[in-house]
Protein backbone atom coordinates (compact mmCIF):
# COMPACT_ATOMS: atom_id res chain seq x y z
CA MET A 1 150.60 236.37 82.93
CA GLY A 2 154.12 236.44 81.78
CA ALA A 3 155.78 237.35 78.37
CA GLY A 4 153.06 236.21 76.02
CA ALA A 5 152.40 233.00 74.05
CA ARG A 6 155.42 231.25 72.53
CA THR A 7 153.18 229.06 70.61
CA PRO A 8 149.58 228.99 69.16
CA GLU A 9 148.46 226.36 71.84
CA GLU A 10 150.02 228.45 74.53
CA LEU A 11 147.99 231.60 73.34
CA GLU A 12 144.74 229.46 73.61
CA ASP A 13 145.67 228.40 77.17
CA LEU A 14 146.41 231.88 78.25
CA PHE A 15 143.02 233.02 76.62
CA GLU A 16 141.19 230.28 78.50
CA ASP A 17 142.99 231.39 81.61
CA ALA A 18 142.12 235.10 81.25
CA PHE A 19 138.69 234.27 80.18
CA MET A 20 137.94 231.80 83.04
CA LEU A 21 139.44 234.21 85.73
CA ARG A 22 137.57 237.33 84.01
CA ASP A 23 140.98 239.06 83.85
CA GLN A 24 140.68 242.01 81.70
CA GLU A 25 144.21 243.22 81.78
CA ALA A 26 145.30 239.58 80.60
CA LEU A 27 143.07 239.70 77.63
CA ALA A 28 144.37 243.07 75.75
CA PRO A 29 147.71 241.78 75.07
CA LEU A 30 146.35 238.38 73.62
CA PHE A 31 145.13 240.26 70.51
CA GLU A 32 146.60 242.30 67.79
CA GLU A 33 145.99 245.97 67.82
CA GLU A 34 143.62 245.67 64.96
CA ALA A 35 142.17 242.14 65.55
CA VAL A 36 138.38 241.22 65.10
CA LEU A 37 136.41 238.94 67.60
CA VAL A 38 132.90 237.57 66.37
CA SER A 39 131.03 236.06 69.18
CA GLY A 40 127.63 235.78 70.69
CA GLU A 41 124.16 234.42 69.76
CA ASP A 42 123.68 237.42 67.08
CA PRO A 43 127.18 237.28 66.02
CA GLN A 44 128.61 241.06 65.79
CA GLU A 45 132.14 241.90 64.91
CA THR A 46 134.14 243.72 67.46
CA ARG A 47 137.50 245.10 66.74
CA GLY A 48 140.79 246.33 68.29
CA SER A 49 140.43 247.98 71.73
CA HIS A 50 136.71 247.18 71.97
CA ILE A 51 137.09 243.25 72.39
CA THR A 52 137.92 243.44 75.94
CA ALA A 53 134.39 245.20 76.45
CA ALA A 54 132.68 242.66 74.43
CA ILE A 55 134.28 239.70 76.18
CA THR A 56 133.02 241.38 79.35
CA VAL A 57 129.47 241.21 78.04
CA LEU A 58 130.14 237.60 77.62
CA TRP A 59 130.99 237.26 81.19
CA GLU A 60 127.83 239.10 82.14
CA HIS A 61 125.83 236.31 80.46
CA ASP A 62 127.82 233.69 82.46
CA ARG A 63 129.73 232.49 79.20
CA THR A 64 132.70 230.51 79.44
CA TYR A 65 135.63 229.56 77.11
CA LEU A 66 137.50 226.17 77.10
CA ALA A 67 140.61 225.90 74.97
CA GLY A 68 140.36 222.55 73.51
CA ARG A 69 142.04 222.45 70.10
CA THR A 70 140.81 220.11 67.33
CA ARG A 71 143.39 220.98 64.85
CA VAL A 72 146.30 223.64 64.76
CA PHE A 73 147.58 224.31 61.36
CA GLN A 74 150.84 226.63 61.07
CA ALA A 75 152.80 228.02 58.23
CA ARG A 76 155.61 230.26 59.54
CA ASP A 77 154.16 233.00 61.55
CA THR A 78 150.43 232.44 60.96
CA ALA A 79 148.30 229.61 62.54
CA LEU A 80 144.70 228.44 61.90
CA VAL A 81 143.07 226.76 64.98
CA VAL A 82 140.11 224.84 64.06
CA ALA A 83 137.97 223.57 67.04
CA GLU A 84 134.34 222.43 67.49
CA GLY A 85 133.53 225.86 69.26
CA GLY A 86 135.52 228.33 67.12
CA ILE A 87 137.89 229.22 64.72
CA ALA A 88 140.89 231.69 65.21
CA VAL A 89 143.82 233.01 63.17
CA MET A 90 147.01 233.80 65.00
CA ARG A 91 150.00 235.69 64.01
CA ARG A 92 153.63 235.69 65.52
CA GLY A 93 154.87 239.30 66.03
CA THR A 94 158.09 240.68 65.49
CA ASP A 95 158.55 240.11 69.18
CA ARG A 96 158.10 236.40 68.53
CA THR A 97 154.79 236.53 70.71
CA TRP A 98 151.62 235.00 69.18
CA ARG A 99 148.43 237.02 69.14
CA TYR A 100 144.83 236.74 67.75
CA ALA A 101 144.40 238.33 64.45
CA ILE A 102 140.77 236.78 63.94
CA ALA A 103 138.82 235.01 66.69
CA LEU A 104 135.38 233.42 65.93
CA LEU A 105 133.74 232.15 69.17
CA SER A 106 130.61 230.15 68.83
CA ASN A 107 127.73 229.44 71.26
CA ALA A 108 124.92 228.03 69.53
CA GLY A 109 121.81 227.81 71.30
CA GLY A 110 122.92 229.79 74.60
CA ALA A 111 125.05 227.08 75.38
CA PRO A 112 128.57 227.98 76.78
CA ILE A 113 131.17 229.06 74.60
CA SER A 114 133.78 226.44 74.17
CA ALA A 115 136.00 224.94 72.04
CA SER A 116 135.92 221.09 71.82
CA LYS A 117 137.24 218.68 74.29
CA ARG A 118 141.04 218.57 74.58
CA SER A 119 142.12 216.47 71.43
CA ALA A 120 145.27 215.81 69.45
CA ARG A 121 147.07 218.71 68.15
CA SER A 122 148.53 218.97 64.71
CA SER A 123 151.16 221.50 63.80
CA THR A 124 153.43 222.03 60.78
CA ASN A 125 156.04 224.26 59.96
CA PRO A 126 156.83 225.28 63.44
């Protein structure tokens, strides 16, 4: 999948690609070592190295993720992505690669997990 995400938007795209292709190896580098993922109808926190396994469970239930941003707010090396289907906090590491620190994926009513339709992106302080 390359050297990693250079922007918060690119991180969302890489996550969508890995999710849709069900590529476990591509998922791990997208999250910080101590990241938190919250997902599912009965939201549960998954941390660190267990995130890939949690996403595998979503795949087993035929869930999907589409990276459609509603808003991206960036302050230096931290970004907040707010979308209809989820919220994420991302950080840029010392290697200049963006990774998820916190990701909340919603799928109310058992519908597929999806961020909203692709829409305008807003960034500040790149």
